[in-house]
Amino acid sequence: MLKYGQFCPVAKAAEILGEKWTLLILRELLLGATRFSQLQKGLSKISPTVLNKRLHTLQEAGLIIRRCVPDQRSQEYQLTEAGRELYPIIIQIAEWGMRWARGQMTDDELDVQLLMNNVQSRIDPEKLPGGRTIIHFHYTDLQRYNHWWIKVNGQDVDLCIDNPCVDVDVNITTDLRTMTEVWLGDLSINNARDSGKLKVVAPSAYTRNIRSWLGLYFLADVRPQQPN
């Protein structure tokens, strides 16, 4: 753990929260992740060793507890009161980041697994036609993990990279940067489609309200600002 050698509350908080990956681990826990595997999905570039170390540090600091899952051999992580109290702080950091820390995304910051996990979390089944819906994403610029499927059945929304071998209702073809820009609100779906960067093949029941069921990042309306 970082040590600043100061009694200042900012320094003491930074000792817990300032390690690399810690805020992102808390982000995933606050978004509902409880299993080690779920945390890895949202943090695809973290090593299991580092993730274990950070979780251990958060346990020692009293921000999370680890519990055995009843009738299973696995374990899950739950936020304590101290951990849950970080929710508005993480949201404020996200808003600040959207407004002041955006800049141009470099290629190494484009993460298809993070993107698709986020897309899955924002799909609104209530805005889709009734029954099962299969949404297929094809990323033309990727060689690995270039096909993803989201299966919506009632309120269940599942994400997979294995072809479910069933009829697809919505086919979305694009590149990773375009989809990320759409997700963050930097590029509208209509403009992406008009430019040919994003193609949607689906019945009109899906395309006419795509903006409503394909929910974007919850801070997508926060626009970048330039420092004075």
Protein backbone atom coordinates (compact mmCIF):
# COMPACT_ATOMS: atom_id res chain seq x y z
CA MET A 1 0.00 0.00 0.00
CA LEU A 2 1.15 3.55 -0.71
CA LYS A 3 2.34 5.50 2.32
CA TYR A 4 2.48 9.30 2.36
CA GLY A 5 3.40 9.75 6.01
CA GLN A 6 0.77 12.43 6.59
CA PHE A 7 -2.25 12.54 8.89
CA CYS A 8 -4.23 14.55 6.29
CA PRO A 9 -7.50 12.71 5.41
CA VAL A 10 -6.77 13.21 1.70
CA ALA A 11 -3.45 11.44 2.14
CA LYS A 12 -5.01 8.64 4.20
CA ALA A 13 -7.74 8.11 1.60
CA ALA A 14 -5.19 8.18 -1.22
CA GLU A 15 -3.19 5.46 0.53
CA ILE A 16 -6.19 3.15 0.10
CA LEU A 17 -7.57 4.35 -3.22
CA GLY A 18 -4.45 5.53 -5.05
CA GLU A 19 -2.95 2.20 -6.11
CA LYS A 20 -3.21 1.31 -9.81
CA TRP A 21 -6.50 -0.51 -10.64
CA THR A 22 -8.08 0.11 -7.21
CA LEU A 23 -10.63 2.70 -8.37
CA LEU A 24 -11.56 0.54 -11.35
CA ILE A 25 -12.06 -2.50 -9.11
CA LEU A 26 -14.35 -0.40 -6.93
CA ARG A 27 -16.14 0.78 -10.08
CA GLU A 28 -16.93 -2.81 -11.02
CA LEU A 29 -18.02 -3.72 -7.47
CA LEU A 30 -20.29 -0.67 -7.32
CA LEU A 31 -21.79 -1.69 -10.67
CA GLY A 32 -22.73 -5.07 -9.24
CA ALA A 33 -19.78 -7.41 -9.82
CA THR A 34 -19.30 -9.87 -6.94
CA ARG A 35 -17.21 -12.72 -8.37
CA PHE A 36 -13.51 -12.74 -9.27
CA SER A 37 -14.41 -13.77 -12.83
CA GLN A 38 -16.85 -10.87 -13.15
CA LEU A 39 -14.17 -8.44 -12.05
CA GLN A 40 -11.79 -9.88 -14.63
CA LYS A 41 -14.36 -9.35 -17.40
CA GLY A 42 -14.59 -5.66 -16.57
CA LEU A 43 -10.81 -5.35 -16.13
CA SER A 44 -9.48 -7.46 -18.97
CA LYS A 45 -5.94 -6.03 -18.77
CA ILE A 46 -5.34 -6.71 -15.08
CA SER A 47 -3.40 -9.81 -14.08
CA PRO A 48 -5.00 -12.27 -11.63
CA THR A 49 -2.09 -11.70 -9.24
CA VAL A 50 -2.59 -7.93 -9.14
CA LEU A 51 -6.35 -8.32 -8.81
CA ASN A 52 -5.87 -10.63 -5.83
CA LYS A 53 -3.49 -8.16 -4.21
CA ARG A 54 -5.83 -5.22 -4.66
CA LEU A 55 -8.81 -7.16 -3.32
CA HIS A 56 -6.74 -8.18 -0.29
CA THR A 57 -5.82 -4.53 0.32
CA LEU A 58 -9.46 -3.47 0.08
CA GLN A 59 -10.38 -6.19 2.58
CA GLU A 60 -7.73 -5.03 5.02
CA ALA A 61 -8.99 -1.45 4.65
CA GLY A 62 -12.54 -2.56 5.46
CA LEU A 63 -14.06 -1.60 2.11
CA ILE A 64 -15.07 -5.13 1.10
CA ILE A 65 -15.64 -8.49 2.69
CA ARG A 66 -15.21 -11.93 1.13
CA ARG A 67 -17.88 -14.56 1.64
CA CYS A 68 -18.39 -18.14 0.56
CA VAL A 69 -21.31 -18.65 -1.79
CA PRO A 70 -23.84 -21.02 -0.15
CA ASP A 71 -23.78 -24.55 -1.59
CA GLN A 72 -20.86 -23.64 -3.86
CA ARG A 73 -17.08 -23.70 -3.63
CA SER A 74 -16.72 -20.20 -5.02
CA GLN A 75 -16.45 -16.93 -3.13
CA GLU A 76 -17.89 -13.50 -3.69
CA TYR A 77 -16.97 -9.99 -2.67
CA GLN A 78 -19.41 -7.59 -1.05
CA LEU A 79 -18.96 -3.91 -0.34
CA THR A 80 -19.15 -2.75 3.25
CA GLU A 81 -20.80 0.49 4.33
CA ALA A 82 -17.46 2.24 3.80
CA GLY A 83 -17.21 0.82 0.29
CA ARG A 84 -20.78 1.69 -0.69
CA GLU A 85 -20.21 5.26 0.50
CA LEU A 86 -17.75 5.67 -2.37
CA TYR A 87 -20.52 5.44 -4.98
CA PRO A 88 -21.20 9.21 -5.35
CA ILE A 89 -17.45 9.86 -5.28
CA ILE A 90 -16.83 7.43 -8.17
CA ILE A 91 -19.71 9.02 -10.10
CA GLN A 92 -18.20 12.48 -9.58
CA ILE A 93 -14.81 11.25 -10.76
CA ALA A 94 -16.49 9.78 -13.86
CA GLU A 95 -18.25 13.08 -14.57
CA TRP A 96 -15.00 14.99 -14.13
CA GLY A 97 -13.23 12.52 -16.41
CA MET A 98 -15.89 12.88 -19.10
CA ARG A 99 -15.60 16.67 -18.94
CA TRP A 100 -11.88 17.27 -18.42
CA ALA A 101 -9.79 14.12 -18.96
CA ARG A 102 -11.05 12.80 -22.27
CA GLY A 103 -8.68 13.83 -25.02
CA GLN A 104 -8.17 11.64 -28.07
CA MET A 105 -8.52 7.91 -27.40
CA THR A 106 -5.40 6.01 -28.38
CA ASP A 107 -5.70 2.57 -29.93
CA ASP A 108 -4.39 0.86 -26.80
CA GLU A 109 -7.25 2.38 -24.80
CA LEU A 110 -9.88 0.72 -26.98
CA ASP A 111 -11.04 -2.38 -25.09
CA VAL A 112 -13.70 -4.48 -26.80
CA GLN A 113 -14.40 -6.60 -23.72
CA LEU A 114 -14.95 -3.57 -21.51
CA LEU A 115 -17.10 -1.99 -24.21
CA MET A 116 -19.29 -5.04 -24.73
CA ASN A 117 -19.75 -5.60 -20.99
CA ASN A 118 -20.91 -2.00 -20.75
CA VAL A 119 -23.20 -2.32 -23.77
CA GLN A 120 -24.76 -5.44 -22.27
CA SER A 121 -25.39 -3.66 -18.98
CA ARG A 122 -27.31 -0.85 -20.68
CA ILE A 123 -29.57 -2.87 -23.00
CA ASP A 124 -33.19 -2.09 -22.08
CA PRO A 125 -35.41 -5.15 -22.64
CA GLU A 126 -38.52 -3.05 -22.10
CA LYS A 127 -37.79 -1.14 -25.32
CA LEU A 128 -37.39 -4.29 -27.44
CA PRO A 129 -40.21 -6.30 -29.04
CA GLY A 130 -41.49 -9.08 -26.80
CA GLY A 131 -39.93 -12.52 -26.77
CA ARG A 132 -36.30 -13.41 -27.36
CA THR A 133 -33.97 -11.01 -29.16
CA ILE A 134 -30.49 -11.88 -30.49
CA ILE A 135 -28.16 -8.97 -31.24
CA HIS A 136 -24.95 -9.68 -33.15
CA PHE A 137 -21.97 -7.28 -33.15
CA HIS A 138 -19.26 -7.71 -35.78
CA TYR A 139 -16.07 -5.65 -35.42
CA THR A 140 -14.42 -5.50 -38.81
CA ASP A 141 -11.06 -4.23 -37.55
CA LEU A 142 -10.42 -6.99 -35.01
CA GLN A 143 -8.95 -10.42 -35.62
CA ARG A 144 -9.79 -11.81 -32.17
CA TYR A 145 -13.03 -11.25 -30.28
CA ASN A 146 -14.53 -9.71 -33.39
CA HIS A 147 -17.96 -11.36 -33.00
CA TRP A 148 -20.21 -10.86 -29.97
CA TRP A 149 -23.79 -11.84 -29.30
CA ILE A 150 -26.22 -10.38 -26.78
CA LYS A 151 -29.18 -12.60 -25.95
CA VAL A 152 -32.23 -10.91 -24.46
CA ASN A 153 -34.97 -13.10 -23.07
CA GLY A 154 -37.44 -11.32 -20.86
CA GLN A 155 -35.36 -9.37 -18.35
CA ASP A 156 -32.30 -11.60 -18.81
CA VAL A 157 -29.50 -10.06 -20.87
CA ASP A 158 -26.54 -12.35 -21.57
CA LEU A 159 -23.31 -11.67 -23.43
CA CYS A 160 -21.28 -14.33 -25.24
CA ILE A 161 -18.54 -14.70 -27.85
CA ASP A 162 -19.72 -18.13 -28.97
CA ASN A 163 -22.22 -18.27 -31.80
CA PRO A 164 -25.56 -19.31 -30.25
CA CYS A 165 -26.50 -20.83 -33.63
CA VAL A 166 -29.96 -19.28 -33.64
CA ASP A 167 -31.53 -16.69 -35.91
CA VAL A 168 -30.18 -13.18 -35.31
CA ASP A 169 -32.65 -10.30 -35.05
CA VAL A 170 -30.20 -7.40 -35.17
CA ASN A 171 -26.83 -7.33 -36.97
CA ILE A 172 -24.52 -4.43 -36.10
CA THR A 173 -21.32 -4.12 -38.15
CA THR A 174 -18.75 -1.48 -37.27
CA ASP A 175 -15.20 -0.93 -36.02
CA LEU A 176 -14.15 -0.72 -32.38
CA ARG A 177 -13.36 2.99 -32.36
CA THR A 178 -16.69 3.94 -33.94
CA MET A 179 -18.70 1.83 -31.48
CA THR A 180 -16.73 3.26 -28.56
CA GLU A 181 -17.39 6.81 -29.78
CA VAL A 182 -21.09 6.02 -30.15
CA TRP A 183 -21.16 4.48 -26.67
CA LEU A 184 -19.54 7.55 -25.09
CA GLY A 185 -21.87 9.93 -26.93
CA ASP A 186 -19.11 11.45 -29.09
CA LEU A 187 -20.76 10.22 -32.28
CA SER A 188 -24.49 9.87 -32.75
CA ILE A 189 -25.91 6.60 -34.00
CA ASN A 190 -27.55 8.41 -36.92
CA ASN A 191 -24.30 10.11 -37.97
CA ALA A 192 -22.39 6.84 -37.65
CA ARG A 193 -24.95 5.12 -39.86
CA ASP A 194 -25.09 7.95 -42.39
CA SER A 195 -21.30 7.90 -42.75
CA GLY A 196 -21.27 4.13 -43.27
CA LYS A 197 -19.12 3.56 -40.18
CA LEU A 198 -21.91 1.64 -38.48
CA LYS A 199 -24.37 -0.62 -40.29
CA VAL A 200 -27.52 -1.98 -38.69
CA VAL A 201 -29.49 -4.72 -40.42
CA ALA A 202 -32.75 -5.46 -38.64
CA PRO A 203 -36.51 -5.11 -39.04
CA SER A 204 -37.89 -1.63 -38.48
CA ALA A 205 -39.30 -2.72 -35.11
CA TYR A 206 -35.69 -2.67 -33.89
CA THR A 207 -34.14 0.12 -35.95
CA ARG A 208 -36.70 2.86 -35.41
CA ASN A 209 -35.97 3.07 -31.66
CA ILE A 210 -32.42 1.75 -31.51
CA ARG A 211 -31.30 4.74 -29.44
CA SER A 212 -33.75 3.78 -26.70
CA TRP A 213 -32.95 0.06 -26.32
CA LEU A 214 -29.24 0.39 -27.06
CA GLY A 215 -28.70 2.54 -24.00
CA LEU A 216 -25.48 4.52 -24.14
CA TYR A 217 -23.04 5.28 -21.32
CA PHE A 218 -25.00 6.88 -18.50
CA LEU A 219 -22.83 10.02 -18.74
CA ALA A 220 -22.89 10.18 -22.54
CA ASP A 221 -24.58 13.59 -22.40
CA VAL A 222 -21.60 15.09 -20.53
CA ARG A 223 -19.51 16.82 -23.18
CA PRO A 224 -15.75 17.37 -23.06
CA GLN A 225 -14.52 20.82 -22.06
CA GLN A 226 -11.28 22.58 -22.96
CA PRO A 227 -9.26 24.05 -20.07
CA ASN A 228 -9.09 27.85 -20.18
